Amino acid sequence: MPDGTLSGADPVERAVRSVLSSIAGDLSANETLLLGELQGLAEEIARAKREMAALKVVDINASHIPVATDELDAVVSHTAEATNEILDACEGLERLAPRLSAEDAGAVSAAVTRIFEACSFQDITGQRIGKVVNALKSIEDRLKHVEERFGPFPDHAPPPAAATVVPEGRALANGPQLPSGAASQAEIDSLLASFD
């Protein structure tokens, strides 16, 4: 430290400085090597902490990972809902088959069977997305553990978002939204009516 104080220094750095200040006389080659290794370790820990702070661990844990897992959960939910709608429509087609000629009924039955088979994607994608969500939660837990072990990282405020010009009385439609943030059907109807 330039002012000679150790307050605020990394614990390893304080330990190295303390050992160095307490040693009297010449150091043996082993002691010099050990102190050099400790100093290198202190520098490596300080570098790692700077890099983690630059990653904005707080933002990752507080925002990015939870948003990503919520979005993926929404994908699984919406995919399941859409698949159920498709399957319900197929069952309706199957109920119509007896009213059709044998040839047409066979064609409808074959098409419905192909649709049923194709809808198996929903279970597979749900399983794969579940694995991704679990991996993200594992990363979140590990980052929390690192932060608990090495102390909180400096809080870096994100840069201000660029201003977006929106015509008066209109909101931006920012793609699919989570149910908690999505526009209601009444809001959508109102927006569409404003174009008339």
Protein backbone atom coordinates (compact mmCIF):
# COMPACT_ATOMS: atom_id res chain seq x y z
CA MET A 1 0.00 0.00 0.00
CA PRO A 2 1.43 3.43 -0.83
CA ASP A 3 0.61 4.92 2.58
CA GLY A 4 1.98 1.94 4.52
CA THR A 5 -1.40 0.85 5.91
CA LEU A 6 -2.93 -2.56 5.36
CA SER A 7 -6.58 -1.66 5.84
CA GLY A 8 -8.65 -2.76 2.90
CA ALA A 9 -5.89 -5.03 1.55
CA ASP A 10 -6.57 -8.59 0.54
CA PRO A 11 -6.13 -11.05 3.50
CA VAL A 12 -3.34 -12.92 1.67
CA GLU A 13 -1.56 -9.65 0.91
CA ARG A 14 -1.83 -8.64 4.58
CA ALA A 15 -0.40 -12.00 5.63
CA VAL A 16 2.55 -11.71 3.23
CA ARG A 17 3.28 -8.15 4.33
CA SER A 18 3.02 -9.18 7.98
CA VAL A 19 5.49 -12.04 7.50
CA LEU A 20 7.88 -9.82 5.56
CA SER A 21 7.80 -7.09 8.22
CA SER A 22 8.44 -9.59 11.05
CA ILE A 23 11.45 -11.29 9.49
CA ALA A 24 14.82 -10.12 10.76
CA GLY A 25 18.07 -10.93 9.02
CA ASP A 26 18.74 -12.80 5.84
CA LEU A 27 16.18 -15.14 4.31
CA SER A 28 17.03 -18.67 3.25
CA ALA A 29 16.45 -19.69 -0.36
CA ASN A 30 13.37 -21.71 0.66
CA GLU A 31 11.91 -18.80 2.63
CA THR A 32 12.50 -16.45 -0.30
CA LEU A 33 10.84 -18.94 -2.65
CA LEU A 34 7.88 -19.39 -0.29
CA LEU A 35 7.39 -15.64 0.09
CA GLY A 36 7.61 -15.20 -3.68
CA GLU A 37 4.93 -17.88 -4.14
CA LEU A 38 2.70 -16.22 -1.52
CA GLN A 39 3.09 -12.86 -3.25
CA GLY A 40 2.25 -14.46 -6.61
CA LEU A 41 -0.80 -16.10 -5.04
CA ALA A 42 -1.94 -12.77 -3.61
CA GLU A 43 -1.58 -11.13 -7.02
CA GLU A 44 -3.48 -13.98 -8.70
CA ILE A 45 -6.34 -13.70 -6.19
CA ALA A 46 -6.49 -9.93 -6.69
CA ARG A 47 -6.53 -10.40 -10.49
CA ALA A 48 -9.30 -13.02 -10.24
CA LYS A 49 -11.38 -10.71 -8.06
CA ARG A 50 -10.96 -7.86 -10.56
CA GLU A 51 -12.02 -10.15 -13.41
CA MET A 52 -15.06 -11.40 -11.47
CA ALA A 53 -16.03 -7.84 -10.62
CA ALA A 54 -15.80 -6.97 -14.31
CA LEU A 55 -18.21 -9.85 -15.02
CA LYS A 56 -20.73 -8.10 -12.78
CA VAL A 57 -21.47 -11.19 -10.70
CA VAL A 58 -24.17 -9.29 -8.85
CA ASP A 59 -25.98 -8.60 -12.14
CA ILE A 60 -25.55 -12.20 -13.26
CA ASN A 61 -27.06 -13.61 -10.06
CA ALA A 62 -29.67 -10.92 -9.51
CA SER A 63 -30.89 -10.49 -13.06
CA HIS A 64 -29.42 -12.44 -15.95
CA ILE A 65 -29.73 -16.03 -14.67
CA PRO A 66 -33.20 -15.62 -13.12
CA VAL A 67 -34.49 -13.92 -16.29
CA ALA A 68 -32.97 -16.66 -18.47
CA THR A 69 -34.50 -19.44 -16.36
CA ASP A 70 -37.89 -17.68 -16.31
CA GLU A 71 -37.78 -17.30 -20.10
CA LEU A 72 -36.87 -20.96 -20.57
CA ASP A 73 -39.61 -22.03 -18.17
CA ALA A 74 -42.03 -19.91 -20.22
CA VAL A 75 -40.83 -21.63 -23.43
CA VAL A 76 -41.54 -25.04 -21.89
CA SER A 77 -44.96 -23.91 -20.67
CA HIS A 78 -46.01 -22.32 -23.97
CA THR A 79 -44.72 -25.29 -25.96
CA ALA A 80 -46.75 -27.65 -23.78
CA GLU A 81 -49.86 -25.48 -24.21
CA ALA A 82 -49.42 -25.35 -28.00
CA THR A 83 -48.84 -29.09 -28.16
CA ASN A 84 -52.00 -29.75 -26.17
CA GLU A 85 -53.97 -27.51 -28.57
CA ILE A 86 -52.57 -29.44 -31.55
CA LEU A 87 -53.43 -32.78 -29.94
CA ASP A 88 -56.96 -31.60 -29.12
CA ALA A 89 -57.44 -30.54 -32.76
CA CYS A 90 -56.19 -33.94 -33.93
CA GLU A 91 -58.65 -35.70 -31.66
CA GLY A 92 -61.39 -33.59 -33.25
CA LEU A 93 -60.24 -34.72 -36.69
CA GLU A 94 -60.27 -38.34 -35.55
CA ARG A 95 -63.89 -37.94 -34.44
CA LEU A 96 -64.77 -36.75 -37.98
CA ALA A 97 -63.17 -39.78 -39.66
CA PRO A 98 -66.29 -42.03 -39.40
CA ARG A 99 -68.26 -39.48 -41.44
CA LEU A 100 -65.77 -39.63 -44.32
CA SER A 101 -65.31 -42.14 -47.10
CA ALA A 102 -62.94 -45.01 -46.30
CA GLU A 103 -60.20 -43.49 -48.45
CA ASP A 104 -60.55 -40.00 -46.92
CA ALA A 105 -60.84 -41.44 -43.40
CA GLY A 106 -57.59 -43.38 -43.98
CA ALA A 107 -55.82 -40.23 -45.21
CA VAL A 108 -57.05 -38.21 -42.22
CA SER A 109 -56.06 -41.01 -39.82
CA ALA A 110 -52.56 -41.22 -41.36
CA ALA A 111 -52.13 -37.44 -41.14
CA VAL A 112 -53.31 -37.36 -37.52
CA THR A 113 -50.91 -40.17 -36.62
CA ARG A 114 -48.02 -38.23 -38.18
CA ILE A 115 -49.00 -35.14 -36.18
CA PHE A 116 -49.17 -37.17 -32.94
CA GLU A 117 -45.70 -38.55 -33.63
CA ALA A 118 -44.30 -35.12 -34.47
CA CYS A 119 -45.67 -33.70 -31.20
CA SER A 120 -43.28 -35.90 -29.25
CA PHE A 121 -40.77 -33.04 -29.75
CA GLN A 122 -42.43 -31.21 -26.87
CA ASP A 123 -41.37 -33.75 -24.27
CA ILE A 124 -37.83 -33.90 -25.63
CA THR A 125 -37.41 -30.11 -25.78
CA GLY A 126 -38.86 -29.82 -22.28
CA GLN A 127 -36.26 -32.27 -20.99
CA ARG A 128 -33.41 -30.49 -22.77
CA ILE A 129 -34.49 -27.07 -21.61
CA GLY A 130 -34.83 -28.47 -18.08
CA LYS A 131 -31.16 -29.50 -18.27
CA VAL A 132 -30.19 -25.97 -19.34
CA VAL A 133 -32.22 -24.45 -16.50
CA ASN A 134 -30.51 -26.79 -14.02
CA ALA A 135 -27.09 -25.83 -15.42
CA LEU A 136 -27.92 -22.12 -15.06
CA LYS A 137 -29.07 -22.65 -11.47
CA SER A 138 -25.86 -24.55 -10.75
CA ILE A 139 -23.81 -21.65 -12.14
CA GLU A 140 -25.83 -19.24 -10.02
CA ASP A 141 -25.15 -21.33 -6.89
CA ARG A 142 -21.44 -21.52 -7.65
CA LEU A 143 -21.20 -17.77 -8.19
CA LYS A 144 -22.97 -17.21 -4.87
CA HIS A 145 -20.50 -19.58 -3.20
CA VAL A 146 -17.52 -17.72 -4.71
CA GLU A 147 -18.94 -14.41 -3.55
CA GLU A 148 -19.59 -15.76 -0.03
CA ARG A 149 -16.09 -17.19 0.14
CA PHE A 150 -14.16 -14.21 -1.21
CA GLY A 151 -16.45 -11.40 -0.12
CA PRO A 152 -18.79 -9.22 -2.13
CA PHE A 153 -17.50 -7.96 -5.43
CA PRO A 154 -17.53 -4.23 -6.15
CA ASP A 155 -20.91 -3.11 -7.39
CA HIS A 156 -20.64 -1.74 -10.90
CA ALA A 157 -23.73 0.10 -12.02
CA PRO A 158 -24.73 -0.87 -15.55
CA PRO A 159 -24.37 1.83 -18.17
CA PRO A 160 -27.56 3.78 -18.72
CA ALA A 161 -29.77 2.30 -21.42
CA ALA A 162 -29.95 4.16 -24.69
CA ALA A 163 -33.05 6.27 -24.96
CA THR A 164 -35.66 4.86 -27.32
CA VAL A 165 -37.93 7.25 -29.15
CA VAL A 166 -41.51 6.02 -28.90
CA PRO A 167 -44.42 7.83 -30.56
CA GLU A 168 -46.65 9.48 -27.99
CA GLY A 169 -49.28 7.15 -26.56
CA ARG A 170 -47.66 4.00 -27.95
CA ALA A 171 -45.56 1.42 -26.15
CA LEU A 172 -42.94 -0.77 -27.75
CA ALA A 173 -43.77 -4.42 -28.32
CA ASN A 174 -40.54 -6.09 -27.24
CA GLY A 175 -41.26 -9.58 -28.46
CA PRO A 176 -42.72 -12.39 -26.41
CA GLN A 177 -43.09 -11.42 -22.78
CA LEU A 178 -43.30 -13.46 -19.62
CA PRO A 179 -46.89 -13.63 -18.38
CA SER A 180 -46.08 -11.20 -15.57
CA GLY A 181 -44.85 -8.53 -18.02
CA ALA A 182 -46.99 -9.18 -21.07
CA ALA A 183 -49.56 -6.79 -22.44
CA SER A 184 -53.19 -7.73 -21.87
CA GLN A 185 -55.49 -8.47 -24.79
CA ALA A 186 -57.29 -5.16 -24.08
CA GLU A 187 -53.97 -3.28 -24.40
CA ILE A 188 -53.21 -5.08 -27.68
CA ASP A 189 -56.69 -4.31 -29.02
CA SER A 190 -56.26 -0.66 -28.05
CA LEU A 191 -52.89 -0.50 -29.82
CA LEU A 192 -54.29 -2.05 -32.99
CA ALA A 193 -57.28 0.31 -32.89
CA SER A 194 -54.89 3.29 -32.72
CA PHE A 195 -53.59 2.42 -36.20
CA ASP A 196 -57.00 3.05 -37.78
